[in-house]
C-alpha atoms as a PDB file:
ATOM      1  CA  MET A   1      98.215 151.615  86.724  1.00  0.00           C
ATOM      2  CA  LYS A   2     100.257 150.118  83.875  1.00  0.00           C
ATOM      3  CA  LYS A   3     103.529 150.815  85.731  1.00  0.00           C
ATOM      4  CA  VAL A   4     102.216 149.016  88.812  1.00  0.00           C
ATOM      5  CA  VAL A   5     101.139 146.003  86.743  1.00  0.00           C
ATOM      6  CA  ILE A   6     104.472 145.840  84.900  1.00  0.00           C
ATOM      7  CA  SER A   7     106.376 146.034  88.211  1.00  0.00           C
ATOM      8  CA  THR A   8     104.205 143.266  89.678  1.00  0.00           C
ATOM      9  CA  LEU A   9     104.853 141.017  86.677  1.00  0.00           C
ATOM     10  CA  ALA A  10     108.602 141.674  86.938  1.00  0.00           C
ATOM     11  CA  VAL A  11     108.543 140.548  90.569  1.00  0.00           C
ATOM     12  CA  LEU A  12     106.615 137.411  89.644  1.00  0.00           C
ATOM     13  CA  ILE A  13     109.105 136.566  86.907  1.00  0.00           C
ATOM     14  CA  ALA A  14     112.062 137.104  89.241  1.00  0.00           C
ATOM     15  CA  SER A  15     110.546 135.173  92.148  1.00  0.00           C
ATOM     16  CA  PRO A  16     111.945 131.697  91.286  1.00  0.00           C
ATOM     17  CA  ALA A  17     115.472 133.048  91.600  1.00  0.00           C
ATOM     18  CA  LEU A  18     114.642 134.556  94.998  1.00  0.00           C
ATOM     19  CA  ALA A  19     112.480 131.733  96.264  1.00  0.00           C
ATOM     20  CA  THR A  20     113.573 129.754  99.296  1.00  0.00           C
ATOM     21  CA  GLY A  21     111.962 126.599  98.022  1.00  0.00           C
ATOM     22  CA  TYR A  22     113.642 123.250  98.192  1.00  0.00           C
ATOM     23  CA  GLN A  23     115.285 121.145  95.522  1.00  0.00           C
ATOM     24  CA  SER A  24     114.130 117.834  94.142  1.00  0.00           C
ATOM     25  CA  GLN A  25     115.910 115.549  91.670  1.00  0.00           C
ATOM     26  CA  GLY A  26     119.025 117.536  90.892  1.00  0.00           C
ATOM     27  CA  SER A  27     118.621 121.261  90.213  1.00  0.00           C
ATOM     28  CA  SER A  28     114.824 121.426  89.894  1.00  0.00           C
ATOM     29  CA  TRP A  29     113.321 124.139  92.070  1.00  0.00           C
ATOM     30  CA  GLN A  30     109.925 123.762  93.673  1.00  0.00           C
ATOM     31  CA  MET A  31     107.548 126.329  95.116  1.00  0.00           C
ATOM     32  CA  PHE A  32     104.953 125.024  97.573  1.00  0.00           C
ATOM     33  CA  GLY A  33     105.515 121.582  96.032  1.00  0.00           C
ATOM     34  CA  LEU A  34     104.809 122.904  92.510  1.00  0.00           C
ATOM     35  CA  ASP A  35     107.274 123.304  89.615  1.00  0.00           C
ATOM     36  CA  PRO A  36     107.708 126.937  88.408  1.00  0.00           C
ATOM     37  CA  TYR A  37     108.573 128.055  84.911  1.00  0.00           C
ATOM     38  CA  ILE A  38     109.138 131.209  82.865  1.00  0.00           C
ATOM     39  CA  GLY A  39     107.747 131.472  79.326  1.00  0.00           C
ATOM     40  CA  ILE A  40     108.617 133.810  76.445  1.00  0.00           C
ATOM     41  CA  ARG A  41     106.449 133.816  73.300  1.00  0.00           C
ATOM     42  CA  GLY A  42     106.153 135.693  70.039  1.00  0.00           C
ATOM     43  CA  GLY A  43     103.912 135.594  66.994  1.00  0.00           C
ATOM     44  CA  ALA A  44     101.418 137.383  64.768  1.00  0.00           C
ATOM     45  CA  SER A  45      97.665 137.833  64.810  1.00  0.00           C
ATOM     46  CA  TYR A  46      94.746 139.352  62.931  1.00  0.00           C
ATOM     47  CA  SER A  47      92.911 142.064  64.870  1.00  0.00           C
ATOM     48  CA  ASN A  48      89.240 143.000  64.261  1.00  0.00           C
ATOM     49  CA  LEU A  49      87.839 146.028  66.090  1.00  0.00           C
ATOM     50  CA  ASN A  50      84.105 146.747  65.835  1.00  0.00           C
ATOM     51  CA  TYR A  51      83.930 150.538  66.134  1.00  0.00           C
ATOM     52  CA  ASN A  52      80.895 152.786  66.588  1.00  0.00           C
ATOM     53  CA  TYR A  53      80.939 156.397  65.445  1.00  0.00           C
ATOM     54  CA  ASN A  54      78.328 158.806  64.102  1.00  0.00           C
ATOM     55  CA  ASP A  55      75.590 156.153  64.610  1.00  0.00           C
ATOM     56  CA  HIS A  56      77.424 153.748  62.297  1.00  0.00           C
ATOM     57  CA  LYS A  57      79.410 150.613  63.125  1.00  0.00           C
ATOM     58  CA  GLU A  58      82.335 149.401  61.010  1.00  0.00           C
ATOM     59  CA  THR A  59      84.887 146.608  61.379  1.00  0.00           C
ATOM     60  CA  LEU A  60      88.519 147.712  61.326  1.00  0.00           C
ATOM     61  CA  SER A  61      91.154 145.034  60.670  1.00  0.00           C
ATOM     62  CA  ASP A  62      94.924 144.800  60.676  1.00  0.00           C
ATOM     63  CA  MET A  63      97.739 142.269  61.075  1.00  0.00           C
ATOM     64  CA  VAL A  64      99.730 142.822  64.280  1.00  0.00           C
ATOM     65  CA  PHE A  65     102.709 141.264  66.013  1.00  0.00           C
ATOM     66  CA  GLN A  66     102.649 140.161  69.634  1.00  0.00           C
ATOM     67  CA  GLY A  67     105.099 139.383  72.414  1.00  0.00           C
ATOM     68  CA  ARG A  68     104.259 137.526  75.620  1.00  0.00           C
ATOM     69  CA  ALA A  69     106.023 136.857  78.915  1.00  0.00           C
ATOM     70  CA  ALA A  70     104.649 134.460  81.521  1.00  0.00           C
ATOM     71  CA  MET A  71     105.436 133.140  84.990  1.00  0.00           C
ATOM     72  CA  GLY A  72     103.677 129.902  85.863  1.00  0.00           C
ATOM     73  CA  LEU A  73     103.494 126.724  87.900  1.00  0.00           C
ATOM     74  CA  GLU A  74     103.101 123.130  86.774  1.00  0.00           C
ATOM     75  CA  ILE A  75     100.410 121.878  89.132  1.00  0.00           C
ATOM     76  CA  CYS A  76     100.643 118.253  88.007  1.00  0.00           C
ATOM     77  CA  ASP A  77     101.773 116.284  84.949  1.00  0.00           C
ATOM     78  CA  THR A  78      98.926 117.593  82.785  1.00  0.00           C
ATOM     79  CA  VAL A  79      97.842 120.951  84.282  1.00  0.00           C
ATOM     80  CA  ARG A  80      99.696 124.274  84.487  1.00  0.00           C
ATOM     81  CA  SER A  81      98.643 127.794  85.413  1.00  0.00           C
ATOM     82  CA  GLU A  82     100.331 131.145  84.790  1.00  0.00           C
ATOM     83  CA  ILE A  83     100.196 134.922  84.793  1.00  0.00           C
ATOM     84  CA  GLU A  84     100.923 136.297  81.305  1.00  0.00           C
ATOM     85  CA  TRP A  85     101.680 139.821  80.104  1.00  0.00           C
ATOM     86  CA  SER A  86     101.145 140.467  76.370  1.00  0.00           C
ATOM     87  CA  ILE A  87     102.040 143.441  74.175  1.00  0.00           C
ATOM     88  CA  TYR A  88     100.616 143.915  70.666  1.00  0.00           C
ATOM     89  CA  SER A  89     101.949 146.172  67.941  1.00  0.00           C
ATOM     90  CA  LYS A  90      99.729 149.056  66.827  1.00  0.00           C
ATOM     91  CA  ALA A  91      96.700 148.111  64.691  1.00  0.00           C
ATOM     92  CA  LYS A  92      95.742 150.698  62.049  1.00  0.00           C
ATOM     93  CA  ASP A  93      92.817 150.907  59.641  1.00  0.00           C
ATOM     94  CA  SER A  94      90.335 153.436  58.241  1.00  0.00           C
ATOM     95  CA  ALA A  95      86.650 153.399  57.356  1.00  0.00           C
ATOM     96  CA  ARG A  96      83.804 155.650  56.275  1.00  0.00           C
ATOM     97  CA  PHE A  97      81.151 156.172  58.964  1.00  0.00           C
ATOM     98  CA  GLY A  98      78.035 157.408  57.199  1.00  0.00           C
ATOM     99  CA  GLU A  99      78.558 160.908  55.840  1.00  0.00           C
ATOM    100  CA  ALA A 100      81.858 161.284  57.682  1.00  0.00           C
ATOM    101  CA  GLU A 101      84.971 161.116  55.540  1.00  0.00           C
ATOM    102  CA  ASP A 102      87.539 158.348  55.873  1.00  0.00           C
ATOM    103  CA  ILE A 103      88.374 158.124  59.573  1.00  0.00           C
ATOM    104  CA  LYS A 104      91.638 156.584  60.743  1.00  0.00           C
ATOM    105  CA  ILE A 105      91.542 154.364  63.828  1.00  0.00           C
ATOM    106  CA  GLU A 106      94.666 153.226  65.697  1.00  0.00           C
ATOM    107  CA  THR A 107      94.583 150.681  68.520  1.00  0.00           C
ATOM    108  CA  LYS A 108      97.355 149.956  71.018  1.00  0.00           C
ATOM    109  CA  LEU A 109      96.751 146.924  73.231  1.00  0.00           C
ATOM    110  CA  GLN A 110      98.312 145.162  76.204  1.00  0.00           C
ATOM    111  CA  THR A 111      96.784 142.379  78.300  1.00  0.00           C
ATOM    112  CA  LEU A 112      97.398 140.803  81.694  1.00  0.00           C
ATOM    113  CA  LEU A 113      95.791 137.344  81.875  1.00  0.00           C
ATOM    114  CA  TRP A 114      95.604 134.411  84.233  1.00  0.00           C
ATOM    115  CA  ASN A 115      95.832 131.336  81.980  1.00  0.00           C
ATOM    116  CA  SER A 116      95.301 127.673  82.756  1.00  0.00           C
ATOM    117  CA  TYR A 117      96.276 124.845  80.396  1.00  0.00           C
ATOM    118  CA  TRP A 118      95.380 121.160  80.262  1.00  0.00           C
ATOM    119  CA  GLU A 119      97.665 118.813  78.350  1.00  0.00           C
ATOM    120  CA  ILE A 120      95.803 115.946  76.683  1.00  0.00           C
ATOM    121  CA  GLY A 121      97.098 112.405  76.303  1.00  0.00           C
ATOM    122  CA  GLY A 122      99.800 110.381  77.983  1.00  0.00           C
ATOM    123  CA  TYR A 123     102.591 111.209  75.555  1.00  0.00           C
ATOM    124  CA  HIS A 124     105.990 111.941  77.083  1.00  0.00           C
ATOM    125  CA  MET A 125     107.456 114.395  74.592  1.00  0.00           C
ATOM    126  CA  VAL A 126     104.725 115.705  72.249  1.00  0.00           C
ATOM    127  CA  ARG A 127     101.417 116.642  73.907  1.00  0.00           C
ATOM    128  CA  PRO A 128      98.439 118.681  72.628  1.00  0.00           C
ATOM    129  CA  PHE A 129      96.859 121.146  75.038  1.00  0.00           C
ATOM    130  CA  ILE A 130      93.884 123.457  75.463  1.00  0.00           C
ATOM    131  CA  GLY A 131      93.790 126.623  77.536  1.00  0.00           C
ATOM    132  CA  LEU A 132      91.549 129.348  78.900  1.00  0.00           C
ATOM    133  CA  GLY A 133      92.518 132.753  80.242  1.00  0.00           C
ATOM    134  CA  VAL A 134      90.785 135.732  81.853  1.00  0.00           C
ATOM    135  CA  GLY A 135      92.044 139.111  82.947  1.00  0.00           C
ATOM    136  CA  ALA A 136      92.358 142.753  81.966  1.00  0.00           C
ATOM    137  CA  ALA A 137      93.205 144.579  78.751  1.00  0.00           C
ATOM    138  CA  PHE A 138      94.762 148.040  78.590  1.00  0.00           C
ATOM    139  CA  ALA A 139      93.679 149.669  75.338  1.00  0.00           C
ATOM    140  CA  ASP A 140      94.416 153.034  73.755  1.00  0.00           C
ATOM    141  CA  VAL A 141      92.105 153.755  70.789  1.00  0.00           C
ATOM    142  CA  LYS A 142      92.838 156.862  68.740  1.00  0.00           C
ATOM    143  CA  ARG A 143      90.408 158.320  66.190  1.00  0.00           C
ATOM    144  CA  GLU A 144      91.664 160.840  63.611  1.00  0.00           C
ATOM    145  CA  ILE A 145      89.314 162.803  61.355  1.00  0.00           C
ATOM    146  CA  PRO A 146      90.799 164.797  58.454  1.00  0.00           C
ATOM    147  CA  ASP A 147      90.592 168.570  58.970  1.00  0.00           C
ATOM    148  CA  VAL A 148      88.955 168.060  62.374  1.00  0.00           C
ATOM    149  CA  GLY A 149      91.518 166.546  64.714  1.00  0.00           C
ATOM    150  CA  HIS A 150      91.981 163.450  66.791  1.00  0.00           C
ATOM    151  CA  HIS A 151      90.440 161.906  69.897  1.00  0.00           C
ATOM    152  CA  SER A 152      92.125 159.301  72.105  1.00  0.00           C
ATOM    153  CA  GLU A 153      90.597 156.973  74.712  1.00  0.00           C
ATOM    154  CA  ASN A 154      92.533 154.939  77.288  1.00  0.00           C
ATOM    155  CA  LYS A 155      90.479 152.146  78.813  1.00  0.00           C
ATOM    156  CA  THR A 156      90.990 149.133  81.063  1.00  0.00           C
ATOM    157  CA  ARG A 157      88.537 146.406  80.141  1.00  0.00           C
ATOM    158  CA  PHE A 158      87.779 142.695  80.584  1.00  0.00           C
ATOM    159  CA  SER A 159      89.644 140.267  78.335  1.00  0.00           C
ATOM    160  CA  ALA A 160      89.384 136.506  77.749  1.00  0.00           C
ATOM    161  CA  MET A 161      91.431 134.068  75.706  1.00  0.00           C
ATOM    162  CA  GLY A 162      91.056 130.520  74.356  1.00  0.00           C
ATOM    163  CA  THR A 163      94.056 128.473  73.193  1.00  0.00           C
ATOM    164  CA  LEU A 164      94.744 125.269  71.243  1.00  0.00           C
ATOM    165  CA  GLY A 165      98.272 124.028  70.822  1.00  0.00           C
ATOM    166  CA  VAL A 166     100.950 121.397  71.141  1.00  0.00           C
ATOM    167  CA  THR A 167     103.956 121.280  73.438  1.00  0.00           C
ATOM    168  CA  PHE A 168     107.323 119.606  72.835  1.00  0.00           C
ATOM    169  CA  ASP A 169     108.674 118.709  76.270  1.00  0.00           C
ATOM    170  CA  MET A 170     112.480 118.572  76.568  1.00  0.00           C
ATOM    171  CA  LYS A 171     112.451 118.144  80.391  1.00  0.00           C
ATOM    172  CA  LYS A 172     114.415 121.304  81.287  1.00  0.00           C
ATOM    173  CA  PHE A 173     112.570 123.401  78.721  1.00  0.00           C
ATOM    174  CA  ALA A 174     109.551 123.054  76.448  1.00  0.00           C
ATOM    175  CA  VAL A 175     108.597 124.526  73.080  1.00  0.00           C
ATOM    176  CA  ASP A 176     104.941 125.497  72.628  1.00  0.00           C
ATOM    177  CA  LEU A 177     103.081 126.098  69.363  1.00  0.00           C
ATOM    178  CA  ALA A 178      99.693 127.727  69.965  1.00  0.00           C
ATOM    179  CA  ALA A 179      96.695 129.162  68.124  1.00  0.00           C
ATOM    180  CA  ARG A 180      94.842 131.785  70.171  1.00  0.00           C
ATOM    181  CA  TYR A 181      91.592 133.733  70.168  1.00  0.00           C
ATOM    182  CA  ASN A 182      91.508 136.820  72.372  1.00  0.00           C
ATOM    183  CA  TYR A 183      88.408 138.938  73.098  1.00  0.00           C
ATOM    184  CA  VAL A 184      88.596 142.451  74.555  1.00  0.00           C
ATOM    185  CA  ASP A 185      85.516 144.356  75.718  1.00  0.00           C
ATOM    186  CA  ILE A 186      86.259 147.750  74.117  1.00  0.00           C
ATOM    187  CA  ASN A 187      83.873 149.744  71.925  1.00  0.00           C
ATOM    188  CA  SER A 188      81.692 147.079  70.229  1.00  0.00           C
ATOM    189  CA  GLY A 189      84.274 144.331  70.784  1.00  0.00           C
ATOM    190  CA  LEU A 190      87.821 143.566  69.690  1.00  0.00           C
ATOM    191  CA  HIS A 191      88.548 140.070  68.347  1.00  0.00           C
ATOM    192  CA  ASN A 192      92.112 138.866  67.887  1.00  0.00           C
ATOM    193  CA  PHE A 193      92.975 135.629  66.049  1.00  0.00           C
ATOM    194  CA  GLY A 194      96.577 134.521  65.893  1.00  0.00           C
ATOM    195  CA  GLY A 195      99.347 132.111  66.677  1.00  0.00           C
ATOM    196  CA  ASP A 196     102.719 132.101  68.372  1.00  0.00           C
ATOM    197  CA  ILE A 197     105.727 129.999  69.238  1.00  0.00           C
ATOM    198  CA  GLY A 198     107.233 130.076  72.686  1.00  0.00           C
ATOM    199  CA  ILE A 199     109.745 128.491  74.986  1.00  0.00           C
ATOM    200  CA  ARG A 200     109.269 127.626  78.659  1.00  0.00           C
ATOM    201  CA  PHE A 201     112.210 127.207  81.012  1.00  0.00           C
ATOM    202  CA  MET A 202     111.508 124.874  83.934  1.00  0.00           C
ATOM    203  CA  PHE A 203     113.283 125.272  87.279  1.00  0.00           C
END
């Protein structure tokens, strides 16, 4: 499933170069009358996983790094929509669940989201924006108990994201600074709070 999704995203990212769209105002490509772009982003976030085991629930937290790649379309001057693939570094923490000894939990996470953004205000270069995204998360949660062994679960679950940020529009490219909250429906809920900086190349 993950290989299919990754291949699909690669095709979407490559599509502007293969598109047979027409040109407007110099070298700007258009697709169905809309302006495409490719975005690359990176940053850090704080991950909280609410985990149930042995009839006890604990919150496991860790700082993780994230990388994002997106293919999108500018629908009008203030609205854009995109498909975004995100990869997070491994989150690791341990907790005591009742009488059980310290249990180590590791979480690997990737998401595929459809995001839409609305830029606020009539500023030409610096514009704040808000965004919402929905899609799927691919999570691998590993539990390791000393002297017992480990158990791993791979799950595909619903994910949603809210974003606040500001964009610096340079016409041919834009720099985005964003704060994000991402929810993933695994175990008793994974909450990710973070920020990133990215660049969008317009065609």
